[in-house]
């Protein structure tokens, strides 16, 4: 069993004991207070970036926007939330996700 450790710019160290092989660690860090929101290890930098990005907020996906089965559901949500159109609700979801993501940053470091 190997112990992997990674220290981020906020001086927080994460460790993992495992038989797997890791080369990088990732973290989603709050810009406001410097706390780690989510973290993990990965075998390569590309997968670390994907894993970290998957932890960031997103609006309504393009696939869900096109899904005919969800059209009535989206229309009901938009109406219940007071939006004039479904597109206005989609835009509000995208803006909220962008605001939340602007308050966080992704950091990828090599493990020791």
PDB file of N, CA and C in Angstrom:
ATOM      1  N   UNK A   1       0.848  -1.166   0.000  1.00  0.00           N
ATOM      2  CA  UNK A   1       0.000   0.000   0.000  1.00  0.00           C
ATOM      3  C   UNK A   1       0.899   1.236   0.000  1.00  0.00           C
ATOM      4  N   UNK A   2       0.551   2.200  -0.822  1.00  0.00           N
ATOM      5  CA  UNK A   2       1.316   3.427  -0.955  1.00  0.00           C
ATOM      6  C   UNK A   2       0.516   4.589  -0.392  1.00  0.00           C
ATOM      7  N   UNK A   3       1.209   5.510   0.265  1.00  0.00           N
ATOM      8  CA  UNK A   3       0.575   6.717   0.780  1.00  0.00           C
ATOM      9  C   UNK A   3       0.908   7.871  -0.148  1.00  0.00           C
ATOM     10  N   UNK A   4      -0.119   8.534  -0.634  1.00  0.00           N
ATOM     11  CA  UNK A   4       0.043   9.703  -1.494  1.00  0.00           C
ATOM     12  C   UNK A   4      -0.378  10.933  -0.710  1.00  0.00           C
ATOM     13  N   UNK A   5       0.364  12.014  -0.879  1.00  0.00           N
ATOM     14  CA  UNK A   5       0.042  13.274  -0.207  1.00  0.00           C
ATOM     15  C   UNK A   5       0.170  14.421  -1.208  1.00  0.00           C
ATOM     16  N   UNK A   6      -0.707  15.385  -1.075  1.00  0.00           N
ATOM     17  CA  UNK A   6      -0.673  16.570  -1.932  1.00  0.00           C
ATOM     18  C   UNK A   6      -0.990  17.791  -1.082  1.00  0.00           C
ATOM     19  N   UNK A   7      -0.198  18.845  -1.258  1.00  0.00           N
ATOM     20  CA  UNK A   7      -0.413  20.092  -0.529  1.00  0.00           C
ATOM     21  C   UNK A   7      -0.806  21.175  -1.527  1.00  0.00           C
ATOM     22  N   UNK A   8      -1.908  21.861  -1.230  1.00  0.00           N
ATOM     23  CA  UNK A   8      -2.423  22.896  -2.111  1.00  0.00           C
ATOM     24  C   UNK A   8      -1.940  24.268  -1.649  1.00  0.00           C
ATOM     25  N   UNK A   9      -2.259  25.286  -2.418  1.00  0.00           N
ATOM     26  CA  UNK A   9      -1.763  26.639  -2.141  1.00  0.00           C
ATOM     27  C   UNK A   9      -2.296  27.204  -0.822  1.00  0.00           C
ATOM     28  N   UNK A  10      -3.379  26.660  -0.307  1.00  0.00           N
ATOM     29  CA  UNK A  10      -3.912  27.128   0.975  1.00  0.00           C
ATOM     30  C   UNK A  10      -3.254  26.382   2.145  1.00  0.00           C
ATOM     31  N   UNK A  11      -2.194  25.637   1.866  1.00  0.00           N
ATOM     32  CA  UNK A  11      -1.414  24.848   2.828  1.00  0.00           C
ATOM     33  C   UNK A  11      -2.180  23.670   3.421  1.00  0.00           C
ATOM     34  N   UNK A  12      -3.276  23.300   2.825  1.00  0.00           N
ATOM     35  CA  UNK A  12      -4.007  22.117   3.274  1.00  0.00           C
ATOM     36  C   UNK A  12      -3.461  20.904   2.535  1.00  0.00           C
ATOM     37  N   UNK A  13      -3.196  19.846   3.282  1.00  0.00           N
ATOM     38  CA  UNK A  13      -2.649  18.620   2.717  1.00  0.00           C
ATOM     39  C   UNK A  13      -3.700  17.529   2.774  1.00  0.00           C
ATOM     40  N   UNK A  14      -3.831  16.799   1.670  1.00  0.00           N
ATOM     41  CA  UNK A  14      -4.716  15.645   1.647  1.00  0.00           C
ATOM     42  C   UNK A  14      -3.860  14.412   1.422  1.00  0.00           C
ATOM     43  N   UNK A  15      -4.281  13.284   1.963  1.00  0.00           N
ATOM     44  CA  UNK A  15      -3.530  12.038   1.807  1.00  0.00           C
ATOM     45  C   UNK A  15      -4.476  10.910   1.426  1.00  0.00           C
ATOM     46  N   UNK A  16      -3.895   9.874   0.846  1.00  0.00           N
ATOM     47  CA  UNK A  16      -4.657   8.675   0.507  1.00  0.00           C
ATOM     48  C   UNK A  16      -3.717   7.480   0.558  1.00  0.00           C
ATOM     49  N   UNK A  17      -4.138   6.422   1.231  1.00  0.00           N
ATOM     50  CA  UNK A  17      -3.420   5.151   1.257  1.00  0.00           C
ATOM     51  C   UNK A  17      -4.133   4.200   0.318  1.00  0.00           C
ATOM     52  N   UNK A  18      -3.434   3.707  -0.704  1.00  0.00           N
ATOM     53  CA  UNK A  18      -4.094   2.879  -1.701  1.00  0.00           C
ATOM     54  C   UNK A  18      -3.079   2.050  -2.475  1.00  0.00           C
ATOM     55  N   UNK A  19      -3.588   1.061  -3.161  1.00  0.00           N
ATOM     56  CA  UNK A  19      -2.765   0.266  -4.074  1.00  0.00           C
ATOM     57  C   UNK A  19      -2.764   0.878  -5.472  1.00  0.00           C
ATOM     58  N   UNK A  20      -3.655   1.829  -5.720  1.00  0.00           N
ATOM     59  CA  UNK A  20      -3.701   2.512  -7.017  1.00  0.00           C
ATOM     60  C   UNK A  20      -2.515   3.460  -7.152  1.00  0.00           C
ATOM     61  N   UNK A  21      -2.235   3.848  -8.397  1.00  0.00           N
ATOM     62  CA  UNK A  21      -1.140   4.777  -8.660  1.00  0.00           C
ATOM     63  C   UNK A  21      -1.715   6.136  -9.024  1.00  0.00           C
ATOM     64  N   UNK A  22      -1.256   7.165  -8.305  1.00  0.00           N
ATOM     65  CA  UNK A  22      -1.704   8.532  -8.561  1.00  0.00           C
ATOM     66  C   UNK A  22      -0.515   9.431  -8.839  1.00  0.00           C
ATOM     67  N   UNK A  23      -0.725  10.410  -9.712  1.00  0.00           N
ATOM     68  CA  UNK A  23       0.321  11.376 -10.024  1.00  0.00           C
ATOM     69  C   UNK A  23      -0.113  12.803  -9.711  1.00  0.00           C
ATOM     70  N   UNK A  24      -1.431  13.053  -9.662  1.00  0.00           N
ATOM     71  CA  UNK A  24      -1.946  14.398  -9.448  1.00  0.00           C
ATOM     72  C   UNK A  24      -3.095  14.381  -8.446  1.00  0.00           C
ATOM     73  N   UNK A  25      -3.276  15.505  -7.807  1.00  0.00           N
ATOM     74  CA  UNK A  25      -4.431  15.722  -6.936  1.00  0.00           C
ATOM     75  C   UNK A  25      -5.112  16.994  -7.396  1.00  0.00           C
ATOM     76  N   UNK A  26      -6.417  17.061  -7.224  1.00  0.00           N
ATOM     77  CA  UNK A  26      -7.185  18.236  -7.622  1.00  0.00           C
ATOM     78  C   UNK A  26      -8.035  18.699  -6.450  1.00  0.00           C
ATOM     79  N   UNK A  27      -8.383  19.968  -6.474  1.00  0.00           N
ATOM     80  CA  UNK A  27      -9.265  20.529  -5.453  1.00  0.00           C
ATOM     81  C   UNK A  27     -10.047  21.690  -6.042  1.00  0.00           C
ATOM     82  N   UNK A  28     -11.283  21.817  -5.581  1.00  0.00           N
ATOM     83  CA  UNK A  28     -12.104  22.987  -5.870  1.00  0.00           C
ATOM     84  C   UNK A  28     -12.050  23.812  -4.591  1.00  0.00           C
ATOM     85  N   UNK A  29     -11.513  25.029  -4.699  1.00  0.00           N
ATOM     86  CA  UNK A  29     -11.241  25.858  -3.523  1.00  0.00           C
ATOM     87  C   UNK A  29     -12.074  27.129  -3.573  1.00  0.00           C
ATOM     88  N   UNK A  30     -12.668  27.484  -2.439  1.00  0.00           N
ATOM     89  CA  UNK A  30     -13.432  28.721  -2.315  1.00  0.00           C
ATOM     90  C   UNK A  30     -12.457  29.898  -2.334  1.00  0.00           C
ATOM     91  N   UNK A  31     -12.707  30.874  -3.172  1.00  0.00           N
ATOM     92  CA  UNK A  31     -11.852  32.057  -3.243  1.00  0.00           C
ATOM     93  C   UNK A  31     -12.048  32.914  -2.003  1.00  0.00           C
ATOM     94  N   UNK A  32     -13.258  32.957  -1.479  1.00  0.00           N
ATOM     95  CA  UNK A  32     -13.585  33.810  -0.341  1.00  0.00           C
ATOM     96  C   UNK A  32     -12.826  33.427   0.924  1.00  0.00           C
ATOM     97  N   UNK A  33     -12.839  32.134   1.270  1.00  0.00           N
ATOM     98  CA  UNK A  33     -12.223  31.732   2.538  1.00  0.00           C
ATOM     99  C   UNK A  33     -11.072  30.744   2.392  1.00  0.00           C
ATOM    100  N   UNK A  34     -10.764  30.315   1.175  1.00  0.00           N
ATOM    101  CA  UNK A  34      -9.636  29.422   0.948  1.00  0.00           C
ATOM    102  C   UNK A  34      -9.868  27.985   1.346  1.00  0.00           C
ATOM    103  N   UNK A  35     -11.087  27.610   1.681  1.00  0.00           N
ATOM    104  CA  UNK A  35     -11.377  26.235   2.087  1.00  0.00           C
ATOM    105  C   UNK A  35     -11.588  25.352   0.863  1.00  0.00           C
ATOM    106  N   UNK A  36     -11.188  24.102   1.011  1.00  0.00           N
ATOM    107  CA  UNK A  36     -11.395  23.130  -0.050  1.00  0.00           C
ATOM    108  C   UNK A  36     -12.848  22.661  -0.002  1.00  0.00           C
ATOM    109  N   UNK A  37     -13.525  22.783  -1.129  1.00  0.00           N
ATOM    110  CA  UNK A  37     -14.915  22.378  -1.246  1.00  0.00           C
ATOM    111  C   UNK A  37     -15.000  20.894  -1.584  1.00  0.00           C
ATOM    112  N   UNK A  38     -14.165  20.448  -2.503  1.00  0.00           N
ATOM    113  CA  UNK A  38     -14.113  19.052  -2.902  1.00  0.00           C
ATOM    114  C   UNK A  38     -12.703  18.746  -3.377  1.00  0.00           C
ATOM    115  N   UNK A  39     -12.297  17.482  -3.312  1.00  0.00           N
ATOM    116  CA  UNK A  39     -10.921  17.129  -3.649  1.00  0.00           C
ATOM    117  C   UNK A  39     -10.853  15.682  -4.102  1.00  0.00           C
ATOM    118  N   UNK A  40      -9.724  15.341  -4.728  1.00  0.00           N
ATOM    119  CA  UNK A  40      -9.532  13.962  -5.161  1.00  0.00           C
ATOM    120  C   UNK A  40      -8.160  13.760  -5.768  1.00  0.00           C
ATOM    121  N   UNK A  41      -7.886  12.514  -6.124  1.00  0.00           N
ATOM    122  CA  UNK A  41      -6.620  12.135  -6.740  1.00  0.00           C
ATOM    123  C   UNK A  41      -6.891  11.579  -8.125  1.00  0.00           C
ATOM    124  N   UNK A  42      -5.877  11.648  -8.999  1.00  0.00           N
ATOM    125  CA  UNK A  42      -6.018  11.147 -10.355  1.00  0.00           C
ATOM    126  C   UNK A  42      -4.676  10.665 -10.875  1.00  0.00           C
ATOM    127  N   UNK A  43      -4.738   9.757 -11.825  1.00  0.00           N
ATOM    128  CA  UNK A  43      -3.520   9.191 -12.391  1.00  0.00           C
ATOM    129  C   UNK A  43      -2.823  10.145 -13.362  1.00  0.00           C
ATOM    130  N   UNK A  44      -3.591  11.035 -14.011  1.00  0.00           N
ATOM    131  CA  UNK A  44      -2.970  11.980 -14.939  1.00  0.00           C
ATOM    132  C   UNK A  44      -3.652  13.335 -14.857  1.00  0.00           C
ATOM    133  N   UNK A  45      -3.003  14.339 -15.411  1.00  0.00           N
ATOM    134  CA  UNK A  45      -3.486  15.716 -15.303  1.00  0.00           C
ATOM    135  C   UNK A  45      -4.823  15.917 -16.020  1.00  0.00           C
ATOM    136  N   UNK A  46      -4.998  15.299 -17.178  1.00  0.00           N
ATOM    137  CA  UNK A  46      -6.246  15.477 -17.931  1.00  0.00           C
ATOM    138  C   UNK A  46      -7.440  14.955 -17.140  1.00  0.00           C
ATOM    139  N   UNK A  47      -7.304  13.784 -16.540  1.00  0.00           N
ATOM    140  CA  UNK A  47      -8.402  13.240 -15.742  1.00  0.00           C
ATOM    141  C   UNK A  47      -8.613  14.038 -14.468  1.00  0.00           C
ATOM    142  N   UNK A  48      -7.553  14.590 -13.905  1.00  0.00           N
ATOM    143  CA  UNK A  48      -7.697  15.448 -12.723  1.00  0.00           C
ATOM    144  C   UNK A  48      -8.506  16.689 -13.084  1.00  0.00           C
ATOM    145  N   UNK A  49      -8.218  17.270 -14.238  1.00  0.00           N
ATOM    146  CA  UNK A  49      -8.955  18.458 -14.675  1.00  0.00           C
ATOM    147  C   UNK A  49     -10.426  18.133 -14.924  1.00  0.00           C
ATOM    148  N   UNK A  50     -10.701  16.981 -15.535  1.00  0.00           N
ATOM    149  CA  UNK A  50     -12.087  16.572 -15.773  1.00  0.00           C
ATOM    150  C   UNK A  50     -12.834  16.353 -14.461  1.00  0.00           C
ATOM    151  N   UNK A  51     -12.178  15.691 -13.526  1.00  0.00           N
ATOM    152  CA  UNK A  51     -12.817  15.408 -12.247  1.00  0.00           C
ATOM    153  C   UNK A  51     -13.125  16.704 -11.497  1.00  0.00           C
ATOM    154  N   UNK A  52     -12.189  17.625 -11.497  1.00  0.00           N
ATOM    155  CA  UNK A  52     -12.404  18.900 -10.809  1.00  0.00           C
ATOM    156  C   UNK A  52     -13.511  19.698 -11.490  1.00  0.00           C
ATOM    157  N   UNK A  53     -13.495  19.736 -12.809  1.00  0.00           N
ATOM    158  CA  UNK A  53     -14.510  20.488 -13.549  1.00  0.00           C
ATOM    159  C   UNK A  53     -15.897  19.898 -13.317  1.00  0.00           C
ATOM    160  N   UNK A  54     -15.976  18.599 -13.126  1.00  0.00           N
ATOM    161  CA  UNK A  54     -17.283  17.974 -12.892  1.00  0.00           C
ATOM    162  C   UNK A  54     -17.890  18.397 -11.560  1.00  0.00           C
ATOM    163  N   UNK A  55     -17.078  18.937 -10.658  1.00  0.00           N
ATOM    164  CA  UNK A  55     -17.564  19.383  -9.360  1.00  0.00           C
ATOM    165  C   UNK A  55     -18.034  20.836  -9.370  1.00  0.00           C
ATOM    166  N   UNK A  56     -17.822  21.530 -10.483  1.00  0.00           N
ATOM    167  CA  UNK A  56     -18.275  22.907 -10.603  1.00  0.00           C
ATOM    168  C   UNK A  56     -19.755  22.916 -10.985  1.00  0.00           C
ATOM    169  N   UNK A  57     -20.424  24.031 -10.733  1.00  0.00           N
ATOM    170  CA  UNK A  57     -21.847  24.156 -11.032  1.00  0.00           C
ATOM    171  C   UNK A  57     -22.075  24.262 -12.523  1.00  0.00           C
ATOM    172  N   UNK A  58     -23.234  23.799 -12.962  1.00  0.00           N
ATOM    173  CA  UNK A  58     -23.614  23.971 -14.357  1.00  0.00           C
ATOM    174  C   UNK A  58     -25.105  24.286 -14.408  1.00  0.00           C
ATOM    175  N   UNK A  59     -25.499  24.901 -15.485  1.00  0.00           N
ATOM    176  CA  UNK A  59     -26.913  25.205 -15.686  1.00  0.00           C
ATOM    177  C   UNK A  59     -27.623  23.979 -16.225  1.00  0.00           C
ATOM    178  N   UNK A  60     -28.692  24.174 -16.941  1.00  0.00           N
ATOM    179  CA  UNK A  60     -29.425  23.076 -17.557  1.00  0.00           C
ATOM    180  C   UNK A  60     -28.641  22.628 -18.781  1.00  0.00           C
ATOM    181  N   UNK A  61     -28.344  21.340 -18.872  1.00  0.00           N
ATOM    182  CA  UNK A  61     -27.513  20.839 -19.961  1.00  0.00           C
ATOM    183  C   UNK A  61     -28.213  20.978 -21.308  1.00  0.00           C
ATOM    184  N   UNK A  62     -27.410  21.045 -22.366  1.00  0.00           N
ATOM    185  CA  UNK A  62     -27.954  21.150 -23.718  1.00  0.00           C
ATOM    186  C   UNK A  62     -28.798  19.917 -24.047  1.00  0.00           C
ATOM    187  N   UNK A  63     -28.378  18.763 -23.554  1.00  0.00           N
ATOM    188  CA  UNK A  63     -29.143  17.540 -23.797  1.00  0.00           C
ATOM    189  C   UNK A  63     -30.524  17.635 -23.143  1.00  0.00           C
ATOM    190  N   UNK A  64     -30.581  18.136 -21.913  1.00  0.00           N
ATOM    191  CA  UNK A  64     -31.870  18.270 -21.233  1.00  0.00           C
ATOM    192  C   UNK A  64     -32.742  19.341 -21.880  1.00  0.00           C
ATOM    193  N   UNK A  65     -32.128  20.374 -22.426  1.00  0.00           N
ATOM    194  CA  UNK A  65     -32.908  21.426 -23.089  1.00  0.00           C
ATOM    195  C   UNK A  65     -33.622  20.885 -24.321  1.00  0.00           C
ATOM    196  N   UNK A  66     -32.996  19.919 -25.015  1.00  0.00           N
ATOM    197  CA  UNK A  66     -33.571  19.364 -26.237  1.00  0.00           C
ATOM    198  C   UNK A  66     -34.496  18.183 -25.984  1.00  0.00           C
ATOM    199  N   UNK A  67     -34.488  17.643 -24.784  1.00  0.00           N
ATOM    200  CA  UNK A  67     -35.243  16.439 -24.480  1.00  0.00           C
ATOM    201  C   UNK A  67     -36.743  16.723 -24.491  1.00  0.00           C
ATOM    202  N   UNK A  68     -37.479  16.096 -25.416  1.00  0.00           N
ATOM    203  CA  UNK A  68     -38.919  16.359 -25.501  1.00  0.00           C
ATOM    204  C   UNK A  68     -39.671  15.967 -24.228  1.00  0.00           C
ATOM    205  N   UNK A  69     -39.191  14.961 -23.527  1.00  0.00           N
ATOM    206  CA  UNK A  69     -39.863  14.513 -22.315  1.00  0.00           C
ATOM    207  C   UNK A  69     -39.773  15.536 -21.193  1.00  0.00           C
ATOM    208  N   UNK A  70     -38.802  16.427 -21.261  1.00  0.00           N
ATOM    209  CA  UNK A  70     -38.606  17.412 -20.206  1.00  0.00           C
ATOM    210  C   UNK A  70     -39.233  18.773 -20.513  1.00  0.00           C
ATOM    211  N   UNK A  71     -39.754  18.959 -21.716  1.00  0.00           N
ATOM    212  CA  UNK A  71     -40.270  20.279 -22.104  1.00  0.00           C
ATOM    213  C   UNK A  71     -41.383  20.764 -21.186  1.00  0.00           C
ATOM    214  N   UNK A  72     -42.367  19.919 -20.905  1.00  0.00           N
ATOM    215  CA  UNK A  72     -43.462  20.341 -20.017  1.00  0.00           C
ATOM    216  C   UNK A  72     -42.954  20.564 -18.597  1.00  0.00           C
ATOM    217  N   UNK A  73     -42.031  19.714 -18.156  1.00  0.00           N
ATOM    218  CA  UNK A  73     -41.457  19.856 -16.823  1.00  0.00           C
ATOM    219  C   UNK A  73     -40.715  21.185 -16.696  1.00  0.00           C
ATOM    220  N   UNK A  74     -39.896  21.515 -17.697  1.00  0.00           N
ATOM    221  CA  UNK A  74     -39.170  22.787 -17.684  1.00  0.00           C
ATOM    222  C   UNK A  74     -40.130  23.966 -17.737  1.00  0.00           C
ATOM    223  N   UNK A  75     -41.180  23.851 -18.524  1.00  0.00           N
ATOM    224  CA  UNK A  75     -42.170  24.935 -18.612  1.00  0.00           C
ATOM    225  C   UNK A  75     -42.838  25.143 -17.255  1.00  0.00           C
ATOM    226  N   UNK A  76     -43.142  24.069 -16.556  1.00  0.00           N
ATOM    227  CA  UNK A  76     -43.766  24.186 -15.239  1.00  0.00           C
ATOM    228  C   UNK A  76     -42.817  24.815 -14.225  1.00  0.00           C
ATOM    229  N   UNK A  77     -41.543  24.403 -14.256  1.00  0.00           N
ATOM    230  CA  UNK A  77     -40.562  24.989 -13.339  1.00  0.00           C
ATOM    231  C   UNK A  77     -40.423  26.482 -13.601  1.00  0.00           C
ATOM    232  N   UNK A  78     -40.278  26.850 -14.884  1.00  0.00           N
ATOM    233  CA  UNK A  78     -40.131  28.264 -15.239  1.00  0.00           C
ATOM    234  C   UNK A  78     -41.341  29.066 -14.759  1.00  0.00           C
ATOM    235  N   UNK A  79     -42.540  28.536 -14.964  1.00  0.00           N
ATOM    236  CA  UNK A  79     -43.759  29.230 -14.538  1.00  0.00           C
ATOM    237  C   UNK A  79     -43.806  29.345 -13.015  1.00  0.00           C
ATOM    238  N   UNK A  80     -43.487  28.254 -12.310  1.00  0.00           N
ATOM    239  CA  UNK A  80     -43.515  28.263 -10.842  1.00  0.00           C
ATOM    240  C   UNK A  80     -42.504  29.237 -10.248  1.00  0.00           C
ATOM    241  N   UNK A  81     -41.400  29.435 -10.947  1.00  0.00           N
ATOM    242  CA  UNK A  81     -40.367  30.353 -10.459  1.00  0.00           C
ATOM    243  C   UNK A  81     -40.599  31.782 -10.931  1.00  0.00           C
ATOM    244  N   UNK A  82     -41.632  31.997 -11.718  1.00  0.00           N
ATOM    245  CA  UNK A  82     -42.010  33.343 -12.120  1.00  0.00           C
ATOM    246  C   UNK A  82     -41.341  33.858 -13.380  1.00  0.00           C
ATOM    247  N   UNK A  83     -40.806  32.981 -14.199  1.00  0.00           N
ATOM    248  CA  UNK A  83     -40.173  33.407 -15.443  1.00  0.00           C
ATOM    249  C   UNK A  83     -41.195  33.437 -16.569  1.00  0.00           C
ATOM    250  N   UNK A  84     -41.037  34.388 -17.474  1.00  0.00           N
ATOM    251  CA  UNK A  84     -41.981  34.543 -18.576  1.00  0.00           C
ATOM    252  C   UNK A  84     -41.834  33.413 -19.594  1.00  0.00           C
ATOM    253  N   UNK A  85     -40.610  32.947 -19.788  1.00  0.00           N
ATOM    254  CA  UNK A  85     -40.362  31.881 -20.760  1.00  0.00           C
ATOM    255  C   UNK A  85     -39.388  30.861 -20.171  1.00  0.00           C
ATOM    256  N   UNK A  86     -39.359  29.710 -20.792  1.00  0.00           N
ATOM    257  CA  UNK A  86     -38.405  28.679 -20.377  1.00  0.00           C
ATOM    258  C   UNK A  86     -36.983  29.160 -20.647  1.00  0.00           C
ATOM    259  N   UNK A  87     -36.785  29.857 -21.762  1.00  0.00           N
ATOM    260  CA  UNK A  87     -35.450  30.367 -22.089  1.00  0.00           C
ATOM    261  C   UNK A  87     -34.957  31.349 -21.033  1.00  0.00           C
ATOM    262  N   UNK A  88     -35.846  32.149 -20.489  1.00  0.00           N
ATOM    263  CA  UNK A  88     -35.459  33.081 -19.421  1.00  0.00           C
ATOM    264  C   UNK A  88     -35.004  32.312 -18.186  1.00  0.00           C
ATOM    265  N   UNK A  89     -35.661  31.200 -17.887  1.00  0.00           N
ATOM    266  CA  UNK A  89     -35.239  30.365 -16.760  1.00  0.00           C
ATOM    267  C   UNK A  89     -33.888  29.716 -17.037  1.00  0.00           C
ATOM    268  N   UNK A  90     -33.707  29.208 -18.270  1.00  0.00           N
ATOM    269  CA  UNK A  90     -32.403  28.646 -18.658  1.00  0.00           C
ATOM    270  C   UNK A  90     -31.305  29.685 -18.463  1.00  0.00           C
ATOM    271  N   UNK A  91     -31.541  30.914 -18.936  1.00  0.00           N
ATOM    272  CA  UNK A  91     -30.548  31.982 -18.814  1.00  0.00           C
ATOM    273  C   UNK A  91     -30.237  32.290 -17.351  1.00  0.00           C
ATOM    274  N   UNK A  92     -31.262  32.282 -16.509  1.00  0.00           N
ATOM    275  CA  UNK A  92     -31.057  32.534 -15.080  1.00  0.00           C
ATOM    276  C   UNK A  92     -30.237  31.416 -14.443  1.00  0.00           C
ATOM    277  N   UNK A  93     -30.494  30.182 -14.849  1.00  0.00           N
ATOM    278  CA  UNK A  93     -29.703  29.044 -14.334  1.00  0.00           C
ATOM    279  C   UNK A  93     -28.239  29.179 -14.737  1.00  0.00           C
ATOM    280  N   UNK A  94     -27.992  29.559 -15.985  1.00  0.00           N
ATOM    281  CA  UNK A  94     -26.612  29.750 -16.459  1.00  0.00           C
ATOM    282  C   UNK A  94     -25.922  30.879 -15.696  1.00  0.00           C
ATOM    283  N   UNK A  95     -26.632  31.963 -15.451  1.00  0.00           N
ATOM    284  CA  UNK A  95     -26.048  33.095 -14.716  1.00  0.00           C
ATOM    285  C   UNK A  95     -25.742  32.703 -13.280  1.00  0.00           C
ATOM    286  N   UNK A  96     -26.634  31.951 -12.652  1.00  0.00           N
ATOM    287  CA  UNK A  96     -26.391  31.503 -11.273  1.00  0.00           C
ATOM    288  C   UNK A  96     -25.175  30.590 -11.212  1.00  0.00           C
ATOM    289  N   UNK A  97     -25.058  29.674 -12.167  1.00  0.00           N
ATOM    290  CA  UNK A  97     -23.909  28.774 -12.198  1.00  0.00           C
ATOM    291  C   UNK A  97     -22.614  29.552 -12.413  1.00  0.00           C
ATOM    292  N   UNK A  98     -22.654  30.545 -13.290  1.00  0.00           N
ATOM    293  CA  UNK A  98     -21.450  31.357 -13.540  1.00  0.00           C
ATOM    294  C   UNK A  98     -21.053  32.131 -12.290  1.00  0.00           C
ATOM    295  N   UNK A  99     -22.024  32.659 -11.566  1.00  0.00           N
ATOM    296  CA  UNK A  99     -21.726  33.388 -10.324  1.00  0.00           C
ATOM    297  C   UNK A  99     -21.106  32.466  -9.284  1.00  0.00           C
ATOM    298  N   UNK A 100     -21.674  31.281  -9.118  1.00  0.00           N
ATOM    299  CA  UNK A 100     -21.134  30.332  -8.142  1.00  0.00           C
ATOM    300  C   UNK A 100     -19.728  29.883  -8.541  1.00  0.00           C
ATOM    301  N   UNK A 101     -19.518  29.624  -9.823  1.00  0.00           N
ATOM    302  CA  UNK A 101     -18.202  29.172 -10.275  1.00  0.00           C
ATOM    303  C   UNK A 101     -17.151  30.268 -10.155  1.00  0.00           C
ATOM    304  N   UNK A 102     -17.568  31.523 -10.283  1.00  0.00           N
ATOM    305  CA  UNK A 102     -16.624  32.629 -10.148  1.00  0.00           C
ATOM    306  C   UNK A 102     -16.095  32.732  -8.717  1.00  0.00           C
ATOM    307  N   UNK A 103     -16.827  32.166  -7.775  1.00  0.00           N
ATOM    308  CA  UNK A 103     -16.416  32.206  -6.372  1.00  0.00           C
ATOM    309  C   UNK A 103     -15.514  31.029  -5.999  1.00  0.00           C
ATOM    310  N   UNK A 104     -15.208  30.161  -6.967  1.00  0.00           N
ATOM    311  CA  UNK A 104     -14.362  28.997  -6.724  1.00  0.00           C
ATOM    312  C   UNK A 104     -13.280  28.901  -7.786  1.00  0.00           C
ATOM    313  N   UNK A 105     -12.216  28.197  -7.429  1.00  0.00           N
ATOM    314  CA  UNK A 105     -11.159  27.968  -8.405  1.00  0.00           C
ATOM    315  C   UNK A 105     -10.723  26.512  -8.328  1.00  0.00           C
ATOM    316  N   UNK A 106     -10.179  26.038  -9.413  1.00  0.00           N
ATOM    317  CA  UNK A 106      -9.675  24.665  -9.489  1.00  0.00           C
ATOM    318  C   UNK A 106      -8.168  24.709  -9.379  1.00  0.00           C
ATOM    319  N   UNK A 107      -7.624  23.819  -8.569  1.00  0.00           N
ATOM    320  CA  UNK A 107      -6.170  23.726  -8.431  1.00  0.00           C
ATOM    321  C   UNK A 107      -5.765  22.269  -8.610  1.00  0.00           C
ATOM    322  N   UNK A 108      -4.743  22.043  -9.431  1.00  0.00           N
ATOM    323  CA  UNK A 108      -4.218  20.705  -9.664  1.00  0.00           C
ATOM    324  C   UNK A 108      -2.732  20.717  -9.299  1.00  0.00           C
ATOM    325  N   UNK A 109      -2.332  19.766  -8.443  1.00  0.00           N
ATOM    326  CA  UNK A 109      -0.937  19.681  -8.001  1.00  0.00           C
ATOM    327  C   UNK A 109      -0.426  18.265  -8.183  1.00  0.00           C
ATOM    328  N   UNK A 110       0.893  18.135  -8.287  1.00  0.00           N
ATOM    329  CA  UNK A 110       1.508  16.819  -8.334  1.00  0.00           C
ATOM    330  C   UNK A 110       1.577  16.255  -6.926  1.00  0.00           C
ATOM    331  N   UNK A 111       1.385  14.938  -6.831  1.00  0.00           N
ATOM    332  CA  UNK A 111       1.440  14.309  -5.514  1.00  0.00           C
ATOM    333  C   UNK A 111       2.871  13.982  -5.143  1.00  0.00           C
ATOM    334  N   UNK A 112       3.104  13.898  -3.846  1.00  0.00           N
ATOM    335  CA  UNK A 112       4.442  13.591  -3.351  1.00  0.00           C
ATOM    336  C   UNK A 112       4.548  12.108  -3.054  1.00  0.00           C
TER     337      UNK A 112
END
